[in-house]
Amino acid sequence: MAVVRKKKPETNVSPVSKKKQSADYELPTEKSEPKSEIGDYIILLFGEKKIGKTMLSAQFPDAIHAMWEPGGKALEIYQSEFADWGTFKKAVTKLRTDTRFKTVVIDTVDLAFKAADAYACSKLAIEDPADEEWGKGWRAIRKEFERQIHRLISAGKGVIFISHATEREIKTRRGSSSHRMVSTMPRQAAEIIEGLVDVWAYFAYDGKDRVLVIGGDEDVTAGHRLSGRFMWNGEPIRKIPMGKSAEQGYKNFVDAFNNEFNPDPEAKPVRRKMRRASS
C-alpha cells in the first residue's frame, strides 16, 4: 500500500496571493514626475478658530469633508458627519474605490484621533491606554489611527487635515525654551500627520488681514517639501495673503504654488549687480 505523505505547511509566508508572490519586480527605468496641482498633495491646515479653514478647504476640487465637529452646517459642501471610528473606517474603504471625489478633508484631525483612541480602548476593554502595561494601549491607538490614515492617503486623492492652533512652550536640548504656534493635535497624532504631509500651513491674522504661513520660523511651525514651488523671483514665499474671501484665498494659494503670486506687488524690483570673478 502506497504511503501518502502530507505536505508540510509553508512557514513565514507573506499574506499575499501566490500570483503576487510570483510576480517579477523590475527596477524603475524613468524618474517619477512631481504632481502638478496643489490638490494632489497632503496638507495640514491649522489655525485660529473661525478664521475660515473649512471654507478654504471647500475650494479644492471635488472635495468631501469628513466632519468630526459641527463646523459645516452653514456651508454648501459634500460632507459626512462622524461620531465614531468604526463608521469612519467604512468611509475610508468606500473612498478607496470612489471616483467622484478628488480631495478628502478631515475636519478636525484632533477629534478623529480621539475617536480612534476610544475605538482602540474599547477593543482592549480598557478605559484609558495607561491601563495596559508596557505601553500596549498607546501602541494599539497609534496602530489603529495610522493604518486608516495610510489607507486613505494610498487611495490616490489629495488629503487635507484641519486642526486648530495653540501657543506651546518648546524646550531645546540645551535647556532653553521658547513659545511657538503649533497644531492642537495630540502628540501621537502630530508625530504621524506631520511626518506625512507635503504642506504644513498656519492660517492666522496679520493685523486685520488673514494670511497663510507656509514658511516656519522660531515663532511658527510651518513649511513644505515641494522643491521649486512657492517661489517668487527666485526667493521662497513665507506667507500668502488670503484676501477677503475663500475664493480669493484659494486663488492666491494656487498661484503661489505655481510660482505666479507676487507677495509684495508694491515693492520695487531688486537690481542685482553682476560681480566679476577675480583673476
C-alpha atoms as a PDB file:
ATOM      1  CA  MET A   1       0.000   0.000   0.000  1.00  0.00           C
ATOM      2  CA  ALA A   2       1.427   3.341  -1.027  1.00  0.00           C
ATOM      3  CA  VAL A   3       2.160   5.835   1.717  1.00  0.00           C
ATOM      4  CA  VAL A   4       0.846   9.324   1.069  1.00  0.00           C
ATOM      5  CA  ARG A   5       2.915  11.980   2.747  1.00  0.00           C
ATOM      6  CA  LYS A   6       1.173  15.156   3.760  1.00  0.00           C
ATOM      7  CA  LYS A   7       2.766  18.323   2.503  1.00  0.00           C
ATOM      8  CA  LYS A   8       4.113  20.412   5.326  1.00  0.00           C
ATOM      9  CA  PRO A   9       2.550  23.884   5.548  1.00  0.00           C
ATOM     10  CA  GLU A  10       4.806  26.708   4.417  1.00  0.00           C
ATOM     11  CA  THR A  11       6.161  28.907   7.153  1.00  0.00           C
ATOM     12  CA  ASN A  12       6.923  32.615   7.126  1.00  0.00           C
ATOM     13  CA  VAL A  13       4.733  33.177   4.091  1.00  0.00           C
ATOM     14  CA  SER A  14       3.557  36.713   3.477  1.00  0.00           C
ATOM     15  CA  PRO A  15      -0.251  37.017   3.417  1.00  0.00           C
ATOM     16  CA  VAL A  16      -0.429  37.881  -0.277  1.00  0.00           C
ATOM     17  CA  SER A  17      -1.672  35.816  -3.153  1.00  0.00           C
ATOM     18  CA  LYS A  18       0.626  33.357  -4.937  1.00  0.00           C
ATOM     19  CA  LYS A  19       0.154  35.402  -8.079  1.00  0.00           C
ATOM     20  CA  LYS A  20       1.609  38.455  -6.384  1.00  0.00           C
ATOM     21  CA  GLN A  21       4.400  36.415  -4.838  1.00  0.00           C
ATOM     22  CA  SER A  22       5.491  35.079  -8.220  1.00  0.00           C
ATOM     23  CA  ALA A  23       5.292  38.460  -9.964  1.00  0.00           C
ATOM     24  CA  ASP A  24       8.674  39.752 -11.115  1.00  0.00           C
ATOM     25  CA  TYR A  25       9.946  43.039  -9.724  1.00  0.00           C
ATOM     26  CA  GLU A  26      11.629  45.464 -12.071  1.00  0.00           C
ATOM     27  CA  LEU A  27      13.607  48.497 -11.011  1.00  0.00           C
ATOM     28  CA  PRO A  28      12.245  51.793 -12.381  1.00  0.00           C
ATOM     29  CA  THR A  29      13.756  52.975 -15.652  1.00  0.00           C
ATOM     30  CA  GLU A  30      12.421  56.547 -15.544  1.00  0.00           C
ATOM     31  CA  LYS A  31      12.141  59.237 -12.895  1.00  0.00           C
ATOM     32  CA  SER A  32       8.681  59.954 -11.499  1.00  0.00           C
ATOM     33  CA  GLU A  33       7.031  63.258 -12.379  1.00  0.00           C
ATOM     34  CA  PRO A  34       6.061  65.575  -9.481  1.00  0.00           C
ATOM     35  CA  LYS A  35       2.349  66.249  -9.133  1.00  0.00           C
ATOM     36  CA  SER A  36       1.387  69.425 -10.963  1.00  0.00           C
ATOM     37  CA  GLU A  37      -1.642  70.514  -8.895  1.00  0.00           C
ATOM     38  CA  ILE A  38      -1.767  71.616  -5.256  1.00  0.00           C
ATOM     39  CA  GLY A  39      -4.851  69.469  -4.707  1.00  0.00           C
ATOM     40  CA  ASP A  40      -2.824  66.301  -5.331  1.00  0.00           C
ATOM     41  CA  TYR A  41      -0.759  66.802  -2.190  1.00  0.00           C
ATOM     42  CA  ILE A  42      -1.241  66.074   1.508  1.00  0.00           C
ATOM     43  CA  ILE A  43      -1.842  69.267   3.510  1.00  0.00           C
ATOM     44  CA  LEU A  44      -2.040  70.121   7.194  1.00  0.00           C
ATOM     45  CA  LEU A  45      -4.080  73.302   7.632  1.00  0.00           C
ATOM     46  CA  PHE A  46      -4.108  74.557  11.210  1.00  0.00           C
ATOM     47  CA  GLY A  47      -5.043  77.957  12.539  1.00  0.00           C
ATOM     48  CA  GLU A  48      -7.209  80.279  14.541  1.00  0.00           C
ATOM     49  CA  LYS A  49     -10.792  79.318  15.275  1.00  0.00           C
ATOM     50  CA  LYS A  50     -13.440  80.696  12.871  1.00  0.00           C
ATOM     51  CA  ILE A  51     -10.784  82.079  10.507  1.00  0.00           C
ATOM     52  CA  GLY A  52     -12.107  80.128   7.526  1.00  0.00           C
ATOM     53  CA  LYS A  53     -10.163  76.859   7.407  1.00  0.00           C
ATOM     54  CA  THR A  54     -13.157  74.759   6.341  1.00  0.00           C
ATOM     55  CA  MET A  55     -14.255  77.337   3.755  1.00  0.00           C
ATOM     56  CA  LEU A  56     -10.753  77.393   2.276  1.00  0.00           C
ATOM     57  CA  SER A  57     -10.579  73.599   2.074  1.00  0.00           C
ATOM     58  CA  ALA A  58     -14.009  73.583   0.389  1.00  0.00           C
ATOM     59  CA  GLN A  59     -12.479  75.412  -2.600  1.00  0.00           C
ATOM     60  CA  PHE A  60     -10.366  72.400  -3.518  1.00  0.00           C
ATOM     61  CA  PRO A  61     -11.684  70.402  -6.481  1.00  0.00           C
ATOM     62  CA  ASP A  62     -14.376  67.777  -5.832  1.00  0.00           C
ATOM     63  CA  ALA A  63     -13.859  67.853  -2.067  1.00  0.00           C
ATOM     64  CA  ILE A  64     -15.684  65.782   0.529  1.00  0.00           C
ATOM     65  CA  HIS A  65     -15.470  66.734   4.188  1.00  0.00           C
ATOM     66  CA  ALA A  66     -15.301  64.176   6.983  1.00  0.00           C
ATOM     67  CA  MET A  67     -16.771  66.356   9.720  1.00  0.00           C
ATOM     68  CA  TRP A  68     -15.883  65.493  13.308  1.00  0.00           C
ATOM     69  CA  GLU A  69     -17.202  68.787  14.654  1.00  0.00           C
ATOM     70  CA  PRO A  70     -20.285  70.846  13.687  1.00  0.00           C
ATOM     71  CA  GLY A  71     -18.464  73.396  11.558  1.00  0.00           C
ATOM     72  CA  GLY A  72     -20.077  72.827   8.183  1.00  0.00           C
ATOM     73  CA  LYS A  73     -23.762  73.428   8.862  1.00  0.00           C
ATOM     74  CA  ALA A  74     -23.769  76.772   7.043  1.00  0.00           C
ATOM     75  CA  LEU A  75     -21.720  75.548   4.092  1.00  0.00           C
ATOM     76  CA  GLU A  76     -22.926  74.072   0.812  1.00  0.00           C
ATOM     77  CA  ILE A  77     -20.428  71.219   0.591  1.00  0.00           C
ATOM     78  CA  TYR A  78     -20.289  67.445   0.327  1.00  0.00           C
ATOM     79  CA  GLN A  79     -19.926  66.311   3.905  1.00  0.00           C
ATOM     80  CA  SER A  80     -20.408  63.336   6.199  1.00  0.00           C
ATOM     81  CA  GLU A  81     -20.661  63.716   9.966  1.00  0.00           C
ATOM     82  CA  PHE A  82     -18.815  61.170  12.086  1.00  0.00           C
ATOM     83  CA  ALA A  83     -19.180  60.298  15.739  1.00  0.00           C
ATOM     84  CA  ASP A  84     -17.293  57.001  15.903  1.00  0.00           C
ATOM     85  CA  TRP A  85     -14.174  55.458  14.372  1.00  0.00           C
ATOM     86  CA  GLY A  86     -15.899  52.315  13.139  1.00  0.00           C
ATOM     87  CA  THR A  87     -18.089  54.321  10.742  1.00  0.00           C
ATOM     88  CA  PHE A  88     -15.087  56.298   9.558  1.00  0.00           C
ATOM     89  CA  LYS A  89     -13.272  53.058   8.705  1.00  0.00           C
ATOM     90  CA  LYS A  90     -16.188  52.090   6.454  1.00  0.00           C
ATOM     91  CA  ALA A  91     -15.991  55.506   4.782  1.00  0.00           C
ATOM     92  CA  VAL A  92     -12.262  55.037   4.105  1.00  0.00           C
ATOM     93  CA  THR A  93     -12.992  51.689   2.459  1.00  0.00           C
ATOM     94  CA  LYS A  94     -15.544  53.311   0.138  1.00  0.00           C
ATOM     95  CA  LEU A  95     -13.284  56.261  -0.643  1.00  0.00           C
ATOM     96  CA  ARG A  96     -10.538  53.894  -1.793  1.00  0.00           C
ATOM     97  CA  THR A  97     -12.703  52.821  -4.755  1.00  0.00           C
ATOM     98  CA  ASP A  98     -14.573  56.101  -5.228  1.00  0.00           C
ATOM     99  CA  THR A  99     -14.075  58.101  -8.455  1.00  0.00           C
ATOM    100  CA  ARG A 100     -16.211  61.176  -7.716  1.00  0.00           C
ATOM    101  CA  PHE A 101     -14.116  62.926  -5.088  1.00  0.00           C
ATOM    102  CA  LYS A 102     -10.555  64.161  -5.592  1.00  0.00           C
ATOM    103  CA  THR A 103      -9.964  65.705  -2.174  1.00  0.00           C
ATOM    104  CA  VAL A 104     -10.783  64.370   1.301  1.00  0.00           C
ATOM    105  CA  VAL A 105     -10.858  66.830   4.210  1.00  0.00           C
ATOM    106  CA  ILE A 106     -10.568  65.562   7.807  1.00  0.00           C
ATOM    107  CA  ASP A 107     -12.148  68.275   9.991  1.00  0.00           C
ATOM    108  CA  THR A 108     -10.731  68.091  12.591  1.00  0.00           C
ATOM    109  CA  VAL A 109      -7.942  65.540  12.782  1.00  0.00           C
ATOM    110  CA  ASP A 110      -7.808  66.172  16.555  1.00  0.00           C
ATOM    111  CA  LEU A 111     -11.258  64.683  17.073  1.00  0.00           C
ATOM    112  CA  ALA A 112     -10.611  61.904  14.565  1.00  0.00           C
ATOM    113  CA  PHE A 113      -7.647  60.778  16.653  1.00  0.00           C
ATOM    114  CA  LYS A 114      -9.714  60.879  19.845  1.00  0.00           C
ATOM    115  CA  ALA A 115     -12.291  58.628  18.146  1.00  0.00           C
ATOM    116  CA  ALA A 116      -9.520  56.182  17.217  1.00  0.00           C
ATOM    117  CA  ASP A 117      -8.374  56.324  20.831  1.00  0.00           C
ATOM    118  CA  ALA A 118     -11.849  55.397  22.112  1.00  0.00           C
ATOM    119  CA  TYR A 119     -12.180  52.633  19.498  1.00  0.00           C
ATOM    120  CA  ALA A 120      -8.848  51.015  20.388  1.00  0.00           C
ATOM    121  CA  CYS A 121      -9.521  51.219  24.127  1.00  0.00           C
ATOM    122  CA  SER A 122     -12.926  49.615  23.614  1.00  0.00           C
ATOM    123  CA  LYS A 123     -11.347  46.690  21.760  1.00  0.00           C
ATOM    124  CA  LEU A 124      -8.908  46.202  24.638  1.00  0.00           C
ATOM    125  CA  ALA A 125     -11.732  46.574  27.186  1.00  0.00           C
ATOM    126  CA  ILE A 126      -9.943  49.405  28.982  1.00  0.00           C
ATOM    127  CA  GLU A 127     -10.940  52.977  29.832  1.00  0.00           C
ATOM    128  CA  ASP A 128      -7.517  54.556  29.447  1.00  0.00           C
ATOM    129  CA  PRO A 129      -4.469  53.478  27.378  1.00  0.00           C
ATOM    130  CA  ALA A 130      -2.344  53.782  30.512  1.00  0.00           C
ATOM    131  CA  ASP A 131      -4.306  50.837  31.953  1.00  0.00           C
ATOM    132  CA  GLU A 132      -2.340  48.477  29.697  1.00  0.00           C
ATOM    133  CA  GLU A 133       1.181  47.590  30.782  1.00  0.00           C
ATOM    134  CA  TRP A 134       4.325  48.225  28.716  1.00  0.00           C
ATOM    135  CA  GLY A 135       2.633  50.863  26.570  1.00  0.00           C
ATOM    136  CA  LYS A 136       0.393  48.329  24.856  1.00  0.00           C
ATOM    137  CA  GLY A 137      -2.588  50.688  24.979  1.00  0.00           C
ATOM    138  CA  TRP A 138      -0.742  53.572  23.335  1.00  0.00           C
ATOM    139  CA  ARG A 139       0.669  51.300  20.632  1.00  0.00           C
ATOM    140  CA  ALA A 140      -2.810  49.978  19.848  1.00  0.00           C
ATOM    141  CA  ILE A 141      -4.163  53.514  19.413  1.00  0.00           C
ATOM    142  CA  ARG A 142      -1.284  54.566  17.185  1.00  0.00           C
ATOM    143  CA  LYS A 143      -1.626  51.437  15.058  1.00  0.00           C
ATOM    144  CA  GLU A 144      -5.376  51.892  14.640  1.00  0.00           C
ATOM    145  CA  PHE A 145      -5.120  55.571  13.663  1.00  0.00           C
ATOM    146  CA  GLU A 146      -2.040  55.213  11.468  1.00  0.00           C
ATOM    147  CA  ARG A 147      -3.454  52.277   9.493  1.00  0.00           C
ATOM    148  CA  GLN A 148      -6.599  54.124   8.421  1.00  0.00           C
ATOM    149  CA  ILE A 149      -4.719  57.328   7.590  1.00  0.00           C
ATOM    150  CA  HIS A 150      -2.328  55.375   5.366  1.00  0.00           C
ATOM    151  CA  ARG A 151      -5.257  53.569   3.710  1.00  0.00           C
ATOM    152  CA  LEU A 152      -6.844  56.941   2.963  1.00  0.00           C
ATOM    153  CA  ILE A 153      -3.673  58.524   1.591  1.00  0.00           C
ATOM    154  CA  SER A 154      -2.931  55.483  -0.594  1.00  0.00           C
ATOM    155  CA  ALA A 155      -6.307  55.970  -2.310  1.00  0.00           C
ATOM    156  CA  GLY A 156      -4.594  58.451  -4.633  1.00  0.00           C
ATOM    157  CA  LYS A 157      -6.596  61.504  -3.559  1.00  0.00           C
ATOM    158  CA  GLY A 158      -5.480  64.778  -2.076  1.00  0.00           C
ATOM    159  CA  VAL A 159      -5.998  64.866   1.685  1.00  0.00           C
ATOM    160  CA  ILE A 160      -6.336  67.932   3.917  1.00  0.00           C
ATOM    161  CA  PHE A 161      -6.065  67.606   7.688  1.00  0.00           C
ATOM    162  CA  ILE A 162      -7.616  70.507   9.602  1.00  0.00           C
ATOM    163  CA  SER A 163      -6.624  71.405  13.147  1.00  0.00           C
ATOM    164  CA  HIS A 164      -6.684  74.397  15.487  1.00  0.00           C
ATOM    165  CA  ALA A 165      -3.685  76.366  16.710  1.00  0.00           C
ATOM    166  CA  THR A 166      -2.248  76.953  20.145  1.00  0.00           C
ATOM    167  CA  GLU A 167       0.862  78.536  21.630  1.00  0.00           C
ATOM    168  CA  ARG A 168       3.105  75.956  23.246  1.00  0.00           C
ATOM    169  CA  GLU A 169       6.381  76.096  25.120  1.00  0.00           C
ATOM    170  CA  ILE A 170       9.134  74.322  23.204  1.00  0.00           C
ATOM    171  CA  LYS A 171      12.234  73.241  25.076  1.00  0.00           C
ATOM    172  CA  THR A 172      15.588  72.773  23.357  1.00  0.00           C
ATOM    173  CA  ARG A 173      18.246  70.189  24.125  1.00  0.00           C
ATOM    174  CA  ARG A 174      20.336  72.878  25.776  1.00  0.00           C
ATOM    175  CA  GLY A 175      17.606  73.582  28.313  1.00  0.00           C
ATOM    176  CA  SER A 176      16.343  76.891  26.909  1.00  0.00           C
ATOM    177  CA  SER A 177      12.730  77.329  25.848  1.00  0.00           C
ATOM    178  CA  SER A 178      10.586  79.430  23.532  1.00  0.00           C
ATOM    179  CA  HIS A 179       6.929  79.714  22.614  1.00  0.00           C
ATOM    180  CA  ARG A 180       5.697  78.678  19.157  1.00  0.00           C
ATOM    181  CA  MET A 181       2.351  78.428  17.418  1.00  0.00           C
ATOM    182  CA  VAL A 182       1.644  74.750  16.818  1.00  0.00           C
ATOM    183  CA  SER A 183      -1.265  72.481  15.990  1.00  0.00           C
ATOM    184  CA  THR A 184      -3.563  71.320  18.796  1.00  0.00           C
ATOM    185  CA  MET A 185      -3.256  67.698  17.646  1.00  0.00           C
ATOM    186  CA  PRO A 186      -2.443  65.185  20.393  1.00  0.00           C
ATOM    187  CA  ARG A 187       1.255  64.295  20.425  1.00  0.00           C
ATOM    188  CA  GLN A 188       0.831  60.855  18.850  1.00  0.00           C
ATOM    189  CA  ALA A 189      -1.374  62.249  16.070  1.00  0.00           C
ATOM    190  CA  ALA A 190       1.116  65.049  15.406  1.00  0.00           C
ATOM    191  CA  GLU A 191       4.005  62.581  15.084  1.00  0.00           C
ATOM    192  CA  ILE A 192       2.090  60.689  12.395  1.00  0.00           C
ATOM    193  CA  ILE A 193       0.474  63.551  10.459  1.00  0.00           C
ATOM    194  CA  GLU A 194       3.412  65.960  10.459  1.00  0.00           C
ATOM    195  CA  GLY A 195       5.615  63.224   9.038  1.00  0.00           C
ATOM    196  CA  LEU A 196       3.195  62.563   6.166  1.00  0.00           C
ATOM    197  CA  VAL A 197       2.125  65.982   4.925  1.00  0.00           C
ATOM    198  CA  ASP A 198       3.685  67.792   1.977  1.00  0.00           C
ATOM    199  CA  VAL A 199       2.456  71.245   3.025  1.00  0.00           C
ATOM    200  CA  TRP A 200       2.226  72.371   6.646  1.00  0.00           C
ATOM    201  CA  ALA A 201       0.336  75.694   6.723  1.00  0.00           C
ATOM    202  CA  TYR A 202      -0.652  78.038   9.552  1.00  0.00           C
ATOM    203  CA  PHE A 203      -3.781  80.136   8.904  1.00  0.00           C
ATOM    204  CA  ALA A 204      -3.599  83.295  11.021  1.00  0.00           C
ATOM    205  CA  TYR A 205      -4.252  87.001  11.337  1.00  0.00           C
ATOM    206  CA  ASP A 206      -1.594  89.539  10.451  1.00  0.00           C
ATOM    207  CA  GLY A 207      -3.136  92.639  11.966  1.00  0.00           C
ATOM    208  CA  LYS A 208      -6.607  92.731  10.379  1.00  0.00           C
ATOM    209  CA  ASP A 209      -5.570  90.655   7.369  1.00  0.00           C
ATOM    210  CA  ARG A 210      -5.673  86.892   7.075  1.00  0.00           C
ATOM    211  CA  VAL A 211      -2.518  85.125   5.889  1.00  0.00           C
ATOM    212  CA  LEU A 212      -1.402  81.561   5.255  1.00  0.00           C
ATOM    213  CA  VAL A 213       2.085  80.989   6.659  1.00  0.00           C
ATOM    214  CA  ILE A 214       3.981  78.267   4.764  1.00  0.00           C
ATOM    215  CA  GLY A 215       7.480  79.142   5.952  1.00  0.00           C
ATOM    216  CA  GLY A 216       8.128  78.418   9.605  1.00  0.00           C
ATOM    217  CA  ASP A 217      10.460  80.212  11.991  1.00  0.00           C
ATOM    218  CA  GLU A 218      11.136  80.371  15.735  1.00  0.00           C
ATOM    219  CA  ASP A 219       7.556  81.575  16.321  1.00  0.00           C
ATOM    220  CA  VAL A 220       5.536  79.328  13.994  1.00  0.00           C
ATOM    221  CA  THR A 221       5.718  75.692  12.904  1.00  0.00           C
ATOM    222  CA  ALA A 222       5.070  75.564   9.156  1.00  0.00           C
ATOM    223  CA  GLY A 223       6.755  74.506   5.927  1.00  0.00           C
ATOM    224  CA  HIS A 224       6.605  72.314   2.834  1.00  0.00           C
ATOM    225  CA  ARG A 225       8.692  69.758   0.964  1.00  0.00           C
ATOM    226  CA  LEU A 226       7.831  70.813  -2.592  1.00  0.00           C
ATOM    227  CA  SER A 227      11.026  71.591  -4.447  1.00  0.00           C
ATOM    228  CA  GLY A 228      10.747  74.523  -6.846  1.00  0.00           C
ATOM    229  CA  ARG A 229       7.292  75.540  -5.601  1.00  0.00           C
ATOM    230  CA  PHE A 230       6.071  78.606  -3.679  1.00  0.00           C
ATOM    231  CA  MET A 231       8.767  80.815  -5.173  1.00  0.00           C
ATOM    232  CA  TRP A 232       8.877  84.386  -6.477  1.00  0.00           C
ATOM    233  CA  ASN A 233      11.880  85.937  -8.217  1.00  0.00           C
ATOM    234  CA  GLY A 234      13.974  83.020  -7.058  1.00  0.00           C
ATOM    235  CA  GLU A 235      13.086  83.524  -3.391  1.00  0.00           C
ATOM    236  CA  PRO A 236      10.803  81.307  -1.279  1.00  0.00           C
ATOM    237  CA  ILE A 237       7.438  82.722  -0.222  1.00  0.00           C
ATOM    238  CA  ARG A 238       6.874  82.611   3.530  1.00  0.00           C
ATOM    239  CA  LYS A 239       3.273  83.803   3.806  1.00  0.00           C
ATOM    240  CA  ILE A 240       0.361  84.226   1.412  1.00  0.00           C
ATOM    241  CA  PRO A 241      -2.367  86.883   1.848  1.00  0.00           C
ATOM    242  CA  MET A 242      -5.800  85.231   1.910  1.00  0.00           C
ATOM    243  CA  GLY A 243      -7.820  88.232   0.753  1.00  0.00           C
ATOM    244  CA  LYS A 244     -11.416  88.897   1.752  1.00  0.00           C
ATOM    245  CA  SER A 245     -12.961  85.608   0.611  1.00  0.00           C
ATOM    246  CA  ALA A 246     -12.284  81.896   0.495  1.00  0.00           C
ATOM    247  CA  GLU A 247     -12.252  82.049  -3.309  1.00  0.00           C
ATOM    248  CA  GLN A 248      -9.551  84.740  -3.311  1.00  0.00           C
ATOM    249  CA  GLY A 249      -7.540  82.909  -0.686  1.00  0.00           C
ATOM    250  CA  TYR A 250      -7.621  79.673  -2.681  1.00  0.00           C
ATOM    251  CA  LYS A 251      -6.590  81.503  -5.863  1.00  0.00           C
ATOM    252  CA  ASN A 252      -3.637  83.108  -4.101  1.00  0.00           C
ATOM    253  CA  PHE A 253      -2.648  79.710  -2.661  1.00  0.00           C
ATOM    254  CA  VAL A 254      -2.728  78.072  -6.103  1.00  0.00           C
ATOM    255  CA  ASP A 255      -0.885  80.973  -7.738  1.00  0.00           C
ATOM    256  CA  ALA A 256       1.808  80.817  -5.052  1.00  0.00           C
ATOM    257  CA  PHE A 257       2.141  77.062  -5.616  1.00  0.00           C
ATOM    258  CA  ASN A 258       2.608  77.734  -9.347  1.00  0.00           C
ATOM    259  CA  ASN A 259       5.183  80.500  -8.646  1.00  0.00           C
ATOM    260  CA  GLU A 260       2.788  83.065 -10.114  1.00  0.00           C
ATOM    261  CA  PHE A 261       1.964  85.063  -6.998  1.00  0.00           C
ATOM    262  CA  ASN A 262       3.777  88.288  -6.158  1.00  0.00           C
ATOM    263  CA  PRO A 263       3.761  88.510  -2.339  1.00  0.00           C
ATOM    264  CA  ASP A 264       4.659  92.207  -2.399  1.00  0.00           C
ATOM    265  CA  PRO A 265       3.340  93.862  -5.585  1.00  0.00           C
ATOM    266  CA  GLU A 266       4.242  97.357  -4.323  1.00  0.00           C
ATOM    267  CA  ALA A 267       7.893  96.513  -3.789  1.00  0.00           C
ATOM    268  CA  LYS A 268      10.364  97.846  -6.303  1.00  0.00           C
ATOM    269  CA  PRO A 269      12.248  95.218  -8.287  1.00  0.00           C
ATOM    270  CA  VAL A 270      15.670  94.495  -6.876  1.00  0.00           C
ATOM    271  CA  ARG A 271      18.544  95.016  -9.275  1.00  0.00           C
ATOM    272  CA  ARG A 272      21.397  92.669  -8.582  1.00  0.00           C
ATOM    273  CA  LYS A 273      24.820  93.802  -9.717  1.00  0.00           C
ATOM    274  CA  MET A 274      26.907  91.222 -11.506  1.00  0.00           C
ATOM    275  CA  ARG A 275      30.224  90.612  -9.791  1.00  0.00           C
ATOM    276  CA  ARG A 276      33.260  89.931 -11.870  1.00  0.00           C
ATOM    277  CA  ALA A 277      35.250  86.930 -10.925  1.00  0.00           C
ATOM    278  CA  SER A 278      38.649  87.910  -9.580  1.00  0.00           C
ATOM    279  CA  SER A 279      41.553  86.773 -11.696  1.00  0.00           C
END
